[in-house]
Amino acid sequence: PRHLAQFTPRTLGGVVERAGGTVLWCWHQAKPRYYLRSVDYMLRDRGWIRLARLMKRPLIRGLLKLILEITLPLGSLARRGEVIRVGAKRAWT
């Protein structure tokens, strides 16, 4: 976990609207390094230190990263991903 608040496109849009703005665009992205880091945290939290170390080996990490590089763009197309960016327009008063 990197943040105290987790937003969905809907909740992030709500924040923009409550601030008086309008969402113009919404962009999703998923980066392999974030997923690999999260899996590492999960394995270590569960006490699976050997498996976490195994995942750090260059060949295994490279293979996992390649698989994620191929599959994660599908998540962006489905409007999913751990990074959500919005373009917003402020209402002038």
PDB file of N, CA and C in Angstrom:
ATOM      1  N   PRO A   1       0.827  -1.213   0.000  1.00  0.00           N
ATOM      2  CA  PRO A   1       0.000   0.000   0.000  1.00  0.00           C
ATOM      3  C   PRO A   1       0.861   1.264   0.000  1.00  0.00           C
ATOM      4  N   ARG A   2       0.552   2.148  -0.917  1.00  0.00           N
ATOM      5  CA  ARG A   2       1.321   3.382  -1.020  1.00  0.00           C
ATOM      6  C   ARG A   2       0.518   4.611  -0.618  1.00  0.00           C
ATOM      7  N   HIS A   3      -0.783   4.468  -0.428  1.00  0.00           N
ATOM      8  CA  HIS A   3      -1.630   5.625  -0.161  1.00  0.00           C
ATOM      9  C   HIS A   3      -2.609   5.328   0.970  1.00  0.00           C
ATOM     10  N   LEU A   4      -3.043   6.382   1.629  1.00  0.00           N
ATOM     11  CA  LEU A   4      -4.056   6.235   2.670  1.00  0.00           C
ATOM     12  C   LEU A   4      -5.454   6.197   2.077  1.00  0.00           C
ATOM     13  N   ALA A   5      -5.633   6.805   0.918  1.00  0.00           N
ATOM     14  CA  ALA A   5      -6.945   6.824   0.257  1.00  0.00           C
ATOM     15  C   ALA A   5      -6.839   6.100  -1.080  1.00  0.00           C
ATOM     16  N   GLN A   6      -7.809   5.277  -1.360  1.00  0.00           N
ATOM     17  CA  GLN A   6      -7.865   4.563  -2.633  1.00  0.00           C
ATOM     18  C   GLN A   6      -9.102   5.068  -3.390  1.00  0.00           C
ATOM     19  N   PHE A   7      -8.902   5.538  -4.600  1.00  0.00           N
ATOM     20  CA  PHE A   7      -9.995   6.077  -5.393  1.00  0.00           C
ATOM     21  C   PHE A   7     -10.364   5.132  -6.529  1.00  0.00           C
ATOM     22  N   THR A   8     -11.614   5.172  -6.903  1.00  0.00           N
ATOM     23  CA  THR A   8     -12.087   4.580  -8.141  1.00  0.00           C
ATOM     24  C   THR A   8     -12.329   5.752  -9.088  1.00  0.00           C
ATOM     25  N   PRO A   9     -12.514   5.500 -10.376  1.00  0.00           N
ATOM     26  CA  PRO A   9     -12.833   6.613 -11.272  1.00  0.00           C
ATOM     27  C   PRO A   9     -14.082   7.380 -10.802  1.00  0.00           C
ATOM     28  N   ARG A  10     -15.039   6.663 -10.287  1.00  0.00           N
ATOM     29  CA  ARG A  10     -16.275   7.309  -9.824  1.00  0.00           C
ATOM     30  C   ARG A  10     -16.025   8.209  -8.613  1.00  0.00           C
ATOM     31  N   THR A  11     -15.291   7.705  -7.618  1.00  0.00           N
ATOM     32  CA  THR A  11     -15.054   8.517  -6.428  1.00  0.00           C
ATOM     33  C   THR A  11     -14.125   9.690  -6.730  1.00  0.00           C
ATOM     34  N   LEU A  12     -13.150   9.492  -7.607  1.00  0.00           N
ATOM     35  CA  LEU A  12     -12.259  10.578  -7.981  1.00  0.00           C
ATOM     36  C   LEU A  12     -13.033  11.661  -8.740  1.00  0.00           C
ATOM     37  N   GLY A  13     -13.927  11.231  -9.623  1.00  0.00           N
ATOM     38  CA  GLY A  13     -14.789  12.189 -10.329  1.00  0.00           C
ATOM     39  C   GLY A  13     -15.686  12.951  -9.369  1.00  0.00           C
ATOM     40  N   GLY A  14     -16.168  12.272  -8.340  1.00  0.00           N
ATOM     41  CA  GLY A  14     -16.994  12.935  -7.329  1.00  0.00           C
ATOM     42  C   GLY A  14     -16.234  14.016  -6.591  1.00  0.00           C
ATOM     43  N   VAL A  15     -14.970  13.764  -6.285  1.00  0.00           N
ATOM     44  CA  VAL A  15     -14.137  14.762  -5.614  1.00  0.00           C
ATOM     45  C   VAL A  15     -13.983  15.996  -6.512  1.00  0.00           C
ATOM     46  N   VAL A  16     -13.721  15.756  -7.793  1.00  0.00           N
ATOM     47  CA  VAL A  16     -13.573  16.863  -8.740  1.00  0.00           C
ATOM     48  C   VAL A  16     -14.866  17.672  -8.814  1.00  0.00           C
ATOM     49  N   GLU A  17     -15.995  16.984  -8.910  1.00  0.00           N
ATOM     50  CA  GLU A  17     -17.291  17.681  -9.012  1.00  0.00           C
ATOM     51  C   GLU A  17     -17.622  18.452  -7.742  1.00  0.00           C
ATOM     52  N   ARG A  18     -17.344  17.885  -6.576  1.00  0.00           N
ATOM     53  CA  ARG A  18     -17.602  18.601  -5.316  1.00  0.00           C
ATOM     54  C   ARG A  18     -16.730  19.854  -5.193  1.00  0.00           C
ATOM     55  N   ALA A  19     -15.578  19.828  -5.851  1.00  0.00           N
ATOM     56  CA  ALA A  19     -14.698  20.996  -5.840  1.00  0.00           C
ATOM     57  C   ALA A  19     -15.106  22.003  -6.914  1.00  0.00           C
ATOM     58  N   GLY A  20     -16.169  21.705  -7.651  1.00  0.00           N
ATOM     59  CA  GLY A  20     -16.668  22.631  -8.659  1.00  0.00           C
ATOM     60  C   GLY A  20     -16.114  22.425 -10.050  1.00  0.00           C
ATOM     61  N   GLY A  21     -15.488  21.305 -10.295  1.00  0.00           N
ATOM     62  CA  GLY A  21     -14.896  21.049 -11.602  1.00  0.00           C
ATOM     63  C   GLY A  21     -15.666  20.008 -12.401  1.00  0.00           C
ATOM     64  N   THR A  22     -15.177  19.757 -13.581  1.00  0.00           N
ATOM     65  CA  THR A  22     -15.754  18.756 -14.478  1.00  0.00           C
ATOM     66  C   THR A  22     -14.624  17.873 -14.991  1.00  0.00           C
ATOM     67  N   VAL A  23     -14.820  16.569 -14.966  1.00  0.00           N
ATOM     68  CA  VAL A  23     -13.824  15.635 -15.485  1.00  0.00           C
ATOM     69  C   VAL A  23     -13.899  15.641 -17.011  1.00  0.00           C
ATOM     70  N   LEU A  24     -12.767  15.901 -17.642  1.00  0.00           N
ATOM     71  CA  LEU A  24     -12.702  15.913 -19.109  1.00  0.00           C
ATOM     72  C   LEU A  24     -12.239  14.580 -19.671  1.00  0.00           C
ATOM     73  N   TRP A  25     -11.328  13.919 -18.968  1.00  0.00           N
ATOM     74  CA  TRP A  25     -10.838  12.618 -19.408  1.00  0.00           C
ATOM     75  C   TRP A  25     -10.363  11.827 -18.204  1.00  0.00           C
ATOM     76  N   CYS A  26     -10.312  10.517 -18.385  1.00  0.00           N
ATOM     77  CA  CYS A  26      -9.868   9.612 -17.327  1.00  0.00           C
ATOM     78  C   CYS A  26      -8.963   8.569 -17.972  1.00  0.00           C
ATOM     79  N   TRP A  27      -7.793   8.366 -17.385  1.00  0.00           N
ATOM     80  CA  TRP A  27      -6.787   7.485 -17.972  1.00  0.00           C
ATOM     81  C   TRP A  27      -6.325   6.493 -16.915  1.00  0.00           C
ATOM     82  N   HIS A  28      -6.225   5.242 -17.289  1.00  0.00           N
ATOM     83  CA  HIS A  28      -5.812   4.170 -16.379  1.00  0.00           C
ATOM     84  C   HIS A  28      -4.475   3.593 -16.822  1.00  0.00           C
ATOM     85  N   GLN A  29      -3.683   3.214 -15.828  1.00  0.00           N
ATOM     86  CA  GLN A  29      -2.405   2.598 -16.150  1.00  0.00           C
ATOM     87  C   GLN A  29      -2.049   1.595 -15.062  1.00  0.00           C
ATOM     88  N   ALA A  30      -1.384   0.571 -15.456  1.00  0.00           N
ATOM     89  CA  ALA A  30      -0.875  -0.435 -14.522  1.00  0.00           C
ATOM     90  C   ALA A  30       0.586  -0.667 -14.865  1.00  0.00           C
ATOM     91  N   LYS A  31       1.447  -0.590 -13.863  1.00  0.00           N
ATOM     92  CA  LYS A  31       2.880  -0.775 -14.092  1.00  0.00           C
ATOM     93  C   LYS A  31       3.332  -2.072 -13.430  1.00  0.00           C
ATOM     94  N   PRO A  32       4.090  -2.891 -14.163  1.00  0.00           N
ATOM     95  CA  PRO A  32       4.552  -4.168 -13.608  1.00  0.00           C
ATOM     96  C   PRO A  32       5.289  -4.035 -12.285  1.00  0.00           C
ATOM     97  N   ARG A  33       6.113  -2.998 -12.153  1.00  0.00           N
ATOM     98  CA  ARG A  33       6.902  -2.881 -10.919  1.00  0.00           C
ATOM     99  C   ARG A  33       6.026  -2.731  -9.690  1.00  0.00           C
ATOM    100  N   TYR A  34       4.857  -2.085  -9.817  1.00  0.00           N
ATOM    101  CA  TYR A  34       3.958  -1.943  -8.674  1.00  0.00           C
ATOM    102  C   TYR A  34       3.368  -3.296  -8.280  1.00  0.00           C
ATOM    103  N   TYR A  35       3.002  -4.089  -9.259  1.00  0.00           N
ATOM    104  CA  TYR A  35       2.451  -5.414  -8.965  1.00  0.00           C
ATOM    105  C   TYR A  35       3.509  -6.322  -8.345  1.00  0.00           C
ATOM    106  N   LEU A  36       4.719  -6.280  -8.900  1.00  0.00           N
ATOM    107  CA  LEU A  36       5.796  -7.115  -8.355  1.00  0.00           C
ATOM    108  C   LEU A  36       6.122  -6.703  -6.919  1.00  0.00           C
ATOM    109  N   ARG A  37       6.129  -5.413  -6.659  1.00  0.00           N
ATOM    110  CA  ARG A  37       6.389  -4.931  -5.302  1.00  0.00           C
ATOM    111  C   ARG A  37       5.281  -5.374  -4.341  1.00  0.00           C
ATOM    112  N   SER A  38       4.040  -5.299  -4.790  1.00  0.00           N
ATOM    113  CA  SER A  38       2.917  -5.715  -3.945  1.00  0.00           C
ATOM    114  C   SER A  38       2.981  -7.209  -3.622  1.00  0.00           C
ATOM    115  N   VAL A  39       3.328  -8.018  -4.621  1.00  0.00           N
ATOM    116  CA  VAL A  39       3.463  -9.458  -4.382  1.00  0.00           C
ATOM    117  C   VAL A  39       4.600  -9.721  -3.391  1.00  0.00           C
ATOM    118  N   ASP A  40       5.691  -8.978  -3.527  1.00  0.00           N
ATOM    119  CA  ASP A  40       6.808  -9.123  -2.591  1.00  0.00           C
ATOM    120  C   ASP A  40       6.360  -8.805  -1.163  1.00  0.00           C
ATOM    121  N   TYR A  41       5.626  -7.704  -0.979  1.00  0.00           N
ATOM    122  CA  TYR A  41       5.110  -7.349   0.352  1.00  0.00           C
ATOM    123  C   TYR A  41       4.197  -8.447   0.894  1.00  0.00           C
ATOM    124  N   MET A  42       3.310  -8.947   0.036  1.00  0.00           N
ATOM    125  CA  MET A  42       2.373  -9.978   0.464  1.00  0.00           C
ATOM    126  C   MET A  42       3.100 -11.245   0.917  1.00  0.00           C
ATOM    127  N   LEU A  43       4.085 -11.685   0.125  1.00  0.00           N
ATOM    128  CA  LEU A  43       4.831 -12.893   0.474  1.00  0.00           C
ATOM    129  C   LEU A  43       5.572 -12.718   1.797  1.00  0.00           C
ATOM    130  N   ARG A  44       6.192 -11.578   1.975  1.00  0.00           N
ATOM    131  CA  ARG A  44       6.931 -11.325   3.214  1.00  0.00           C
ATOM    132  C   ARG A  44       6.000 -11.222   4.413  1.00  0.00           C
ATOM    133  N   ASP A  45       4.833 -10.582   4.222  1.00  0.00           N
ATOM    134  CA  ASP A  45       3.849 -10.478   5.317  1.00  0.00           C
ATOM    135  C   ASP A  45       3.355 -11.847   5.758  1.00  0.00           C
ATOM    136  N   ARG A  46       3.281 -12.775   4.816  1.00  0.00           N
ATOM    137  CA  ARG A  46       2.805 -14.123   5.138  1.00  0.00           C
ATOM    138  C   ARG A  46       3.922 -15.057   5.594  1.00  0.00           C
ATOM    139  N   GLY A  47       5.139 -14.525   5.656  1.00  0.00           N
ATOM    140  CA  GLY A  47       6.260 -15.321   6.131  1.00  0.00           C
ATOM    141  C   GLY A  47       6.917 -16.189   5.074  1.00  0.00           C
ATOM    142  N   TRP A  48       6.596 -15.961   3.811  1.00  0.00           N
ATOM    143  CA  TRP A  48       7.155 -16.759   2.726  1.00  0.00           C
ATOM    144  C   TRP A  48       8.409 -16.070   2.179  1.00  0.00           C
ATOM    145  N   ILE A  49       9.412 -15.941   3.032  1.00  0.00           N
ATOM    146  CA  ILE A  49      10.625 -15.200   2.703  1.00  0.00           C
ATOM    147  C   ILE A  49      11.396 -15.854   1.556  1.00  0.00           C
ATOM    148  N   ARG A  50      11.496 -17.185   1.576  1.00  0.00           N
ATOM    149  CA  ARG A  50      12.234 -17.877   0.502  1.00  0.00           C
ATOM    150  C   ARG A  50      11.616 -17.610  -0.864  1.00  0.00           C
ATOM    151  N   LEU A  51      10.290 -17.655  -0.933  1.00  0.00           N
ATOM    152  CA  LEU A  51       9.616 -17.394  -2.204  1.00  0.00           C
ATOM    153  C   LEU A  51       9.816 -15.939  -2.630  1.00  0.00           C
ATOM    154  N   ALA A  52       9.783 -15.032  -1.670  1.00  0.00           N
ATOM    155  CA  ALA A  52      10.024 -13.616  -1.983  1.00  0.00           C
ATOM    156  C   ALA A  52      11.435 -13.429  -2.537  1.00  0.00           C
ATOM    157  N   ARG A  53      12.411 -14.098  -1.931  1.00  0.00           N
ATOM    158  CA  ARG A  53      13.796 -14.018  -2.427  1.00  0.00           C
ATOM    159  C   ARG A  53      13.928 -14.627  -3.817  1.00  0.00           C
ATOM    160  N   LEU A  54      13.224 -15.735  -4.036  1.00  0.00           N
ATOM    161  CA  LEU A  54      13.256 -16.395  -5.339  1.00  0.00           C
ATOM    162  C   LEU A  54      12.731 -15.453  -6.431  1.00  0.00           C
ATOM    163  N   MET A  55      11.696 -14.705  -6.108  1.00  0.00           N
ATOM    164  CA  MET A  55      11.122 -13.759  -7.071  1.00  0.00           C
ATOM    165  C   MET A  55      12.079 -12.622  -7.421  1.00  0.00           C
ATOM    166  N   LYS A  56      13.064 -12.370  -6.588  1.00  0.00           N
ATOM    167  CA  LYS A  56      14.027 -11.291  -6.831  1.00  0.00           C
ATOM    168  C   LYS A  56      15.136 -11.706  -7.790  1.00  0.00           C
ATOM    169  N   ARG A  57      15.261 -12.993  -8.060  1.00  0.00           N
ATOM    170  CA  ARG A  57      16.287 -13.446  -8.999  1.00  0.00           C
ATOM    171  C   ARG A  57      16.003 -12.850 -10.375  1.00  0.00           C
ATOM    172  N   PRO A  58      17.043 -12.356 -11.040  1.00  0.00           N
ATOM    173  CA  PRO A  58      16.844 -11.643 -12.303  1.00  0.00           C
ATOM    174  C   PRO A  58      16.047 -12.412 -13.359  1.00  0.00           C
ATOM    175  N   LEU A  59      16.313 -13.692 -13.536  1.00  0.00           N
ATOM    176  CA  LEU A  59      15.606 -14.460 -14.559  1.00  0.00           C
ATOM    177  C   LEU A  59      14.114 -14.573 -14.235  1.00  0.00           C
ATOM    178  N   ILE A  60      13.793 -14.881 -12.997  1.00  0.00           N
ATOM    179  CA  ILE A  60      12.396 -15.044 -12.604  1.00  0.00           C
ATOM    180  C   ILE A  60      11.684 -13.696 -12.637  1.00  0.00           C
ATOM    181  N   ARG A  61      12.332 -12.664 -12.072  1.00  0.00           N
ATOM    182  CA  ARG A  61      11.726 -11.331 -12.070  1.00  0.00           C
ATOM    183  C   ARG A  61      11.507 -10.838 -13.506  1.00  0.00           C
ATOM    184  N   GLY A  62      12.482 -11.074 -14.373  1.00  0.00           N
ATOM    185  CA  GLY A  62      12.349 -10.669 -15.766  1.00  0.00           C
ATOM    186  C   GLY A  62      11.204 -11.375 -16.462  1.00  0.00           C
ATOM    187  N   LEU A  63      11.034 -12.661 -16.202  1.00  0.00           N
ATOM    188  CA  LEU A  63       9.942 -13.425 -16.803  1.00  0.00           C
ATOM    189  C   LEU A  63       8.587 -12.917 -16.304  1.00  0.00           C
ATOM    190  N   LEU A  64       8.481 -12.694 -14.991  1.00  0.00           N
ATOM    191  CA  LEU A  64       7.226 -12.163 -14.436  1.00  0.00           C
ATOM    192  C   LEU A  64       6.923 -10.781 -15.001  1.00  0.00           C
ATOM    193  N   LYS A  65       7.951  -9.949 -15.126  1.00  0.00           N
ATOM    194  CA  LYS A  65       7.751  -8.611 -15.675  1.00  0.00           C
ATOM    195  C   LYS A  65       7.295  -8.680 -17.133  1.00  0.00           C
ATOM    196  N   LEU A  66       7.872  -9.586 -17.902  1.00  0.00           N
ATOM    197  CA  LEU A  66       7.467  -9.745 -19.303  1.00  0.00           C
ATOM    198  C   LEU A  66       6.004 -10.158 -19.400  1.00  0.00           C
ATOM    199  N   ILE A  67       5.596 -11.108 -18.579  1.00  0.00           N
ATOM    200  CA  ILE A  67       4.192 -11.544 -18.582  1.00  0.00           C
ATOM    201  C   ILE A  67       3.269 -10.366 -18.239  1.00  0.00           C
ATOM    202  N   LEU A  68       3.659  -9.585 -17.240  1.00  0.00           N
ATOM    203  CA  LEU A  68       2.849  -8.434 -16.860  1.00  0.00           C
ATOM    204  C   LEU A  68       2.833  -7.368 -17.949  1.00  0.00           C
ATOM    205  N   GLU A  69       3.967  -7.134 -18.600  1.00  0.00           N
ATOM    206  CA  GLU A  69       4.028  -6.150 -19.691  1.00  0.00           C
ATOM    207  C   GLU A  69       3.062  -6.517 -20.820  1.00  0.00           C
ATOM    208  N   ILE A  70       2.870  -7.801 -21.045  1.00  0.00           N
ATOM    209  CA  ILE A  70       1.968  -8.264 -22.107  1.00  0.00           C
ATOM    210  C   ILE A  70       0.513  -8.183 -21.671  1.00  0.00           C
ATOM    211  N   THR A  71       0.229  -8.524 -20.418  1.00  0.00           N
ATOM    212  CA  THR A  71      -1.165  -8.621 -19.980  1.00  0.00           C
ATOM    213  C   THR A  71      -1.737  -7.330 -19.391  1.00  0.00           C
ATOM    214  N   LEU A  72      -0.937  -6.489 -18.786  1.00  0.00           N
ATOM    215  CA  LEU A  72      -1.470  -5.302 -18.121  1.00  0.00           C
ATOM    216  C   LEU A  72      -2.141  -4.284 -19.045  1.00  0.00           C
ATOM    217  N   PRO A  73      -1.703  -4.122 -20.295  1.00  0.00           N
ATOM    218  CA  PRO A  73      -2.440  -3.201 -21.171  1.00  0.00           C
ATOM    219  C   PRO A  73      -3.919  -3.583 -21.326  1.00  0.00           C
ATOM    220  N   LEU A  74      -4.228  -4.854 -21.186  1.00  0.00           N
ATOM    221  CA  LEU A  74      -5.636  -5.266 -21.244  1.00  0.00           C
ATOM    222  C   LEU A  74      -6.417  -4.662 -20.080  1.00  0.00           C
ATOM    223  N   GLY A  75      -5.769  -4.537 -18.931  1.00  0.00           N
ATOM    224  CA  GLY A  75      -6.407  -3.900 -17.783  1.00  0.00           C
ATOM    225  C   GLY A  75      -6.715  -2.440 -18.049  1.00  0.00           C
ATOM    226  N   SER A  76      -5.806  -1.751 -18.715  1.00  0.00           N
ATOM    227  CA  SER A  76      -6.049  -0.346 -19.057  1.00  0.00           C
ATOM    228  C   SER A  76      -7.234  -0.214 -20.007  1.00  0.00           C
ATOM    229  N   LEU A  77      -7.336  -1.133 -20.958  1.00  0.00           N
ATOM    230  CA  LEU A  77      -8.477  -1.107 -21.879  1.00  0.00           C
ATOM    231  C   LEU A  77      -9.794  -1.365 -21.152  1.00  0.00           C
ATOM    232  N   ALA A  78      -9.736  -2.156 -20.098  1.00  0.00           N
ATOM    233  CA  ALA A  78     -10.935  -2.457 -19.305  1.00  0.00           C
ATOM    234  C   ALA A  78     -11.166  -1.396 -18.224  1.00  0.00           C
ATOM    235  N   ARG A  79     -10.417  -0.296 -18.306  1.00  0.00           N
ATOM    236  CA  ARG A  79     -10.514   0.800 -17.334  1.00  0.00           C
ATOM    237  C   ARG A  79     -10.183   0.323 -15.920  1.00  0.00           C
ATOM    238  N   ARG A  80      -9.091  -0.415 -15.824  1.00  0.00           N
ATOM    239  CA  ARG A  80      -8.596  -0.902 -14.537  1.00  0.00           C
ATOM    240  C   ARG A  80      -7.099  -0.619 -14.460  1.00  0.00           C
ATOM    241  N   GLY A  81      -6.624  -0.439 -13.270  1.00  0.00           N
ATOM    242  CA  GLY A  81      -5.207  -0.205 -13.067  1.00  0.00           C
ATOM    243  C   GLY A  81      -4.998   0.601 -11.804  1.00  0.00           C
ATOM    244  N   GLU A  82      -3.817   0.489 -11.227  1.00  0.00           N
ATOM    245  CA  GLU A  82      -3.597   1.142  -9.944  1.00  0.00           C
ATOM    246  C   GLU A  82      -3.331   2.628 -10.084  1.00  0.00           C
ATOM    247  N   VAL A  83      -3.095   3.106 -11.292  1.00  0.00           N
ATOM    248  CA  VAL A  83      -2.895   4.530 -11.513  1.00  0.00           C
ATOM    249  C   VAL A  83      -4.088   5.058 -12.289  1.00  0.00           C
ATOM    250  N   ILE A  84      -4.743   6.057 -11.729  1.00  0.00           N
ATOM    251  CA  ILE A  84      -5.857   6.716 -12.405  1.00  0.00           C
ATOM    252  C   ILE A  84      -5.514   8.193 -12.484  1.00  0.00           C
ATOM    253  N   ARG A  85      -5.523   8.724 -13.690  1.00  0.00           N
ATOM    254  CA  ARG A  85      -5.285  10.159 -13.878  1.00  0.00           C
ATOM    255  C   ARG A  85      -6.522  10.744 -14.537  1.00  0.00           C
ATOM    256  N   VAL A  86      -6.886  11.914 -14.097  1.00  0.00           N
ATOM    257  CA  VAL A  86      -8.013  12.603 -14.713  1.00  0.00           C
ATOM    258  C   VAL A  86      -7.579  13.987 -15.143  1.00  0.00           C
ATOM    259  N   GLY A  87      -8.169  14.430 -16.217  1.00  0.00           N
ATOM    260  CA  GLY A  87      -8.040  15.816 -16.636  1.00  0.00           C
ATOM    261  C   GLY A  87      -9.341  16.493 -16.228  1.00  0.00           C
ATOM    262  N   ALA A  88      -9.219  17.624 -15.593  1.00  0.00           N
ATOM    263  CA  ALA A  88     -10.408  18.299 -15.091  1.00  0.00           C
ATOM    264  C   ALA A  88     -10.389  19.772 -15.469  1.00  0.00           C
ATOM    265  N   LYS A  89     -11.580  20.322 -15.561  1.00  0.00           N
ATOM    266  CA  LYS A  89     -11.732  21.736 -15.868  1.00  0.00           C
ATOM    267  C   LYS A  89     -12.397  22.397 -14.676  1.00  0.00           C
ATOM    268  N   ARG A  90     -11.819  23.490 -14.229  1.00  0.00           N
ATOM    269  CA  ARG A  90     -12.372  24.202 -13.089  1.00  0.00           C
ATOM    270  C   ARG A  90     -13.466  25.141 -13.562  1.00  0.00           C
ATOM    271  N   ALA A  91     -14.545  25.184 -12.797  1.00  0.00           N
ATOM    272  CA  ALA A  91     -15.634  26.118 -13.108  1.00  0.00           C
ATOM    273  C   ALA A  91     -15.221  27.500 -12.616  1.00  0.00           C
ATOM    274  N   TRP A  92     -15.288  28.490 -13.486  1.00  0.00           N
ATOM    275  CA  TRP A  92     -14.902  29.857 -13.110  1.00  0.00           C
ATOM    276  C   TRP A  92     -16.077  30.542 -12.435  1.00  0.00           C
ATOM    277  N   THR A  93     -15.794  31.253 -11.374  1.00  0.00           N
ATOM    278  CA  THR A  93     -16.859  31.971 -10.657  1.00  0.00           C
ATOM    279  C   THR A  93     -16.679  33.455 -10.776  1.00  0.00           C
TER     280      THR A  93
END
